[in-house]
Amino acid sequence: MSPTTVLSRAQCRFEAVIDPNPVRVSLARHASASVLRLWGMSGSLVDDVQLAVSELVTNAIEHGHGRIVLSIAEAAGTVKIEVSDCNPAPAQVRSAQHDDLGGRGLMIVATLADSWGVSENGCTTWATFVSRELQPVGLPMVSAAPPVITTSAPVL
C-alpha cells in the first residue's frame, strides 16, 4: 500500500440479541439511540433510526420466529440497521385502514429511511439512513488500516 492511499473512515457496529417479547422494543429503541450518540450522531438522524428500530423490532416480534438480532452499523455518515428473525416470509408494506391499530410500521420505515429492503432469504429487514449533518471539510485521513469497532450487547 502506498503512503497516499486513502482508506475509508472507521466503521462502528453494534449487535444485540433480543428476546421476542414486546417489552423489549423499548430497550432496543433506547439502546440504538445511545449507541448512535456514542458514535457522535445527533438530531433527526438518531430520532429516525430509533423509530425505525422500534418498528422493525416490533414487526419481528409479531411476525417472526425465534430469536431476533438487531444490528446497527455506521460508516462514512451512513447508518444501516438490520433486524433478523427466523421467518423466511419477507416483510411487506401493508395498506392499513384509518381505524386499524397496526400495519403502518414498514410504511413509516420506508418514509424515514433513504433506502430499505429485505434479504434474499426473507429473514432480515434492513434500512439505511444518510446523515445530513455537515461533515468537516479537509484533507482525507490516511491510516494503515481502517479500524472496525464492534460492540456486542447482552440479550435485551
Protein backbone atom coordinates (compact mmCIF):
# COMPACT_ATOMS: atom_id res chain seq x y z
CA MET A 1 0.00 0.00 0.00
CA SER A 2 1.37 3.40 -0.89
CA PRO A 3 1.51 6.07 1.82
CA THR A 4 -1.00 8.19 -0.11
CA THR A 5 -3.75 5.56 -0.14
CA VAL A 6 -6.93 6.95 1.37
CA LEU A 7 -8.86 4.43 3.38
CA SER A 8 -12.47 4.59 4.44
CA ARG A 9 -13.46 6.16 7.71
CA ALA A 10 -13.65 3.96 10.78
CA GLN A 11 -16.64 1.65 10.89
CA CYS A 12 -18.69 1.08 14.01
CA ARG A 13 -21.01 -1.85 14.66
CA PHE A 14 -23.45 -2.78 17.42
CA GLU A 15 -25.34 -6.04 17.67
CA ALA A 16 -27.83 -7.34 20.22
CA VAL A 17 -29.93 -10.48 20.54
CA ILE A 18 -33.44 -9.57 21.60
CA ASP A 19 -35.93 -11.76 23.40
CA PRO A 20 -39.15 -11.83 21.29
CA ASN A 21 -41.16 -10.02 23.95
CA PRO A 22 -42.96 -6.69 23.28
CA VAL A 23 -41.41 -5.24 26.45
CA ARG A 24 -38.01 -5.43 24.72
CA VAL A 25 -38.94 -2.94 21.96
CA SER A 26 -38.37 -0.01 24.29
CA LEU A 27 -34.94 -1.37 25.29
CA ALA A 28 -33.94 -1.79 21.63
CA ARG A 29 -35.08 1.75 20.87
CA HIS A 30 -33.11 3.25 23.78
CA ALA A 31 -30.02 1.14 23.07
CA SER A 32 -29.98 2.25 19.43
CA ALA A 33 -30.18 5.93 20.40
CA SER A 34 -27.42 5.51 22.99
CA VAL A 35 -25.13 3.76 20.52
CA LEU A 36 -25.64 6.40 17.82
CA ARG A 37 -24.93 9.21 20.29
CA LEU A 38 -21.80 7.36 21.43
CA TRP A 39 -20.71 7.35 17.77
CA GLY A 40 -21.26 11.12 17.54
CA MET A 41 -24.62 11.14 15.77
CA SER A 42 -27.34 13.53 16.84
CA GLY A 43 -30.60 15.19 15.94
CA SER A 44 -33.11 13.87 13.48
CA LEU A 45 -30.85 11.00 12.35
CA VAL A 46 -30.97 9.48 15.85
CA ASP A 47 -34.72 10.07 16.06
CA ASP A 48 -35.37 8.47 12.66
CA VAL A 49 -33.17 5.43 13.34
CA GLN A 50 -34.70 5.00 16.77
CA LEU A 51 -38.23 4.97 15.32
CA ALA A 52 -37.23 2.57 12.52
CA VAL A 53 -35.61 0.21 15.04
CA SER A 54 -38.80 0.29 17.08
CA GLU A 55 -40.95 -0.56 14.05
CA LEU A 56 -38.67 -3.31 12.70
CA VAL A 57 -38.21 -4.98 16.09
CA THR A 58 -41.97 -4.84 16.68
CA ASN A 59 -42.55 -6.49 13.29
CA ALA A 60 -40.02 -9.21 14.11
CA ILE A 61 -41.70 -9.89 17.45
CA GLU A 62 -45.18 -10.01 15.93
CA HIS A 63 -44.41 -11.87 12.69
CA GLY A 64 -41.02 -13.54 13.15
CA HIS A 65 -39.92 -16.82 14.62
CA GLY A 66 -37.23 -17.43 17.21
CA ARG A 67 -34.58 -15.05 18.38
CA ILE A 68 -34.28 -11.55 16.97
CA VAL A 69 -30.95 -9.93 16.15
CA LEU A 70 -30.63 -6.16 15.89
CA SER A 71 -27.55 -4.90 14.08
CA ILE A 72 -26.56 -1.25 13.65
CA ALA A 73 -23.54 -0.27 11.58
CA GLU A 74 -22.15 3.17 10.75
CA ALA A 75 -19.56 4.12 8.18
CA ALA A 76 -18.91 7.46 6.50
CA GLY A 77 -22.09 9.03 7.83
CA THR A 78 -24.38 6.22 6.70
CA VAL A 79 -26.20 4.15 9.29
CA LYS A 80 -27.59 0.74 8.37
CA ILE A 81 -29.93 -1.13 10.66
CA GLU A 82 -30.83 -4.77 10.21
CA VAL A 83 -33.37 -6.78 12.15
CA SER A 84 -33.28 -10.54 11.63
CA ASP A 85 -35.51 -13.37 12.76
CA CYS A 86 -36.02 -16.93 11.57
CA ASN A 87 -39.15 -16.33 9.48
CA PRO A 88 -38.37 -16.65 5.75
CA ALA A 89 -41.58 -14.82 4.78
CA PRO A 90 -40.35 -11.35 3.73
CA ALA A 91 -41.72 -8.23 5.37
CA GLN A 92 -44.13 -6.35 3.11
CA VAL A 93 -45.67 -2.89 3.22
CA ARG A 94 -49.35 -3.12 4.04
CA SER A 95 -52.13 -0.70 3.32
CA ALA A 96 -53.64 -0.03 6.73
CA GLN A 97 -57.14 1.38 7.05
CA HIS A 98 -57.53 4.57 9.08
CA ASP A 99 -59.08 2.67 12.02
CA ASP A 100 -56.52 -0.19 12.04
CA LEU A 101 -54.38 -0.36 15.17
CA GLY A 102 -51.30 -1.61 13.29
CA GLY A 103 -49.92 -2.23 9.84
CA ARG A 104 -48.06 1.04 9.32
CA GLY A 105 -44.57 0.07 10.51
CA LEU A 106 -42.90 -0.59 7.15
CA MET A 107 -44.57 2.46 5.63
CA ILE A 108 -43.01 4.55 8.40
CA VAL A 109 -39.61 2.94 7.81
CA ALA A 110 -39.91 3.49 4.04
CA THR A 111 -40.73 7.15 4.63
CA LEU A 112 -37.88 7.82 7.08
CA ALA A 113 -35.08 5.77 5.51
CA ASP A 114 -33.04 6.64 2.45
CA SER A 115 -33.48 3.01 1.38
CA TRP A 116 -34.82 -0.20 2.83
CA GLY A 117 -35.34 -3.79 1.81
CA VAL A 118 -35.49 -7.44 2.72
CA SER A 119 -32.71 -10.01 2.36
CA GLU A 120 -32.99 -12.70 -0.30
CA ASN A 121 -33.80 -15.33 2.33
CA GLY A 122 -36.56 -13.10 3.78
CA CYS A 123 -35.22 -13.28 7.32
CA THR A 124 -33.64 -9.80 7.54
CA THR A 125 -35.25 -6.43 7.03
CA TRP A 126 -32.81 -3.52 6.67
CA ALA A 127 -32.87 0.25 6.30
CA THR A 128 -30.16 2.82 5.62
CA PHE A 129 -30.02 6.42 6.74
CA VAL A 130 -27.58 9.03 5.45
CA SER A 131 -26.53 11.75 7.87
CA ARG A 132 -27.46 15.21 6.61
CA GLU A 133 -25.18 16.89 9.16
CA LEU A 134 -22.29 18.86 7.74
CA GLN A 135 -19.03 16.98 7.85
CA PRO A 136 -15.78 18.92 8.36
CA VAL A 137 -14.03 19.71 5.10
CA GLY A 138 -10.33 18.99 4.92
CA LEU A 139 -7.73 16.52 3.80
CA PRO A 140 -8.76 12.87 3.93
CA MET A 141 -7.42 10.90 6.83
CA VAL A 142 -4.72 8.38 5.95
CA SER A 143 -4.17 5.35 8.13
CA ALA A 144 -2.62 1.92 7.82
CA ALA A 145 -5.91 0.07 8.24
CA PRO A 146 -9.48 1.15 8.87
CA PRO A 147 -10.36 0.12 12.41
CA VAL A 148 -13.54 -1.81 12.95
CA ILE A 149 -15.19 -1.14 16.27
CA THR A 150 -17.58 -3.87 17.32
CA THR A 151 -19.85 -3.64 20.31
CA SER A 152 -21.76 -6.67 21.47
CA ALA A 153 -24.52 -6.19 23.96
CA PRO A 154 -26.13 -8.75 26.22
CA VAL A 155 -29.50 -10.18 25.36
CA LEU A 156 -32.13 -7.46 25.76
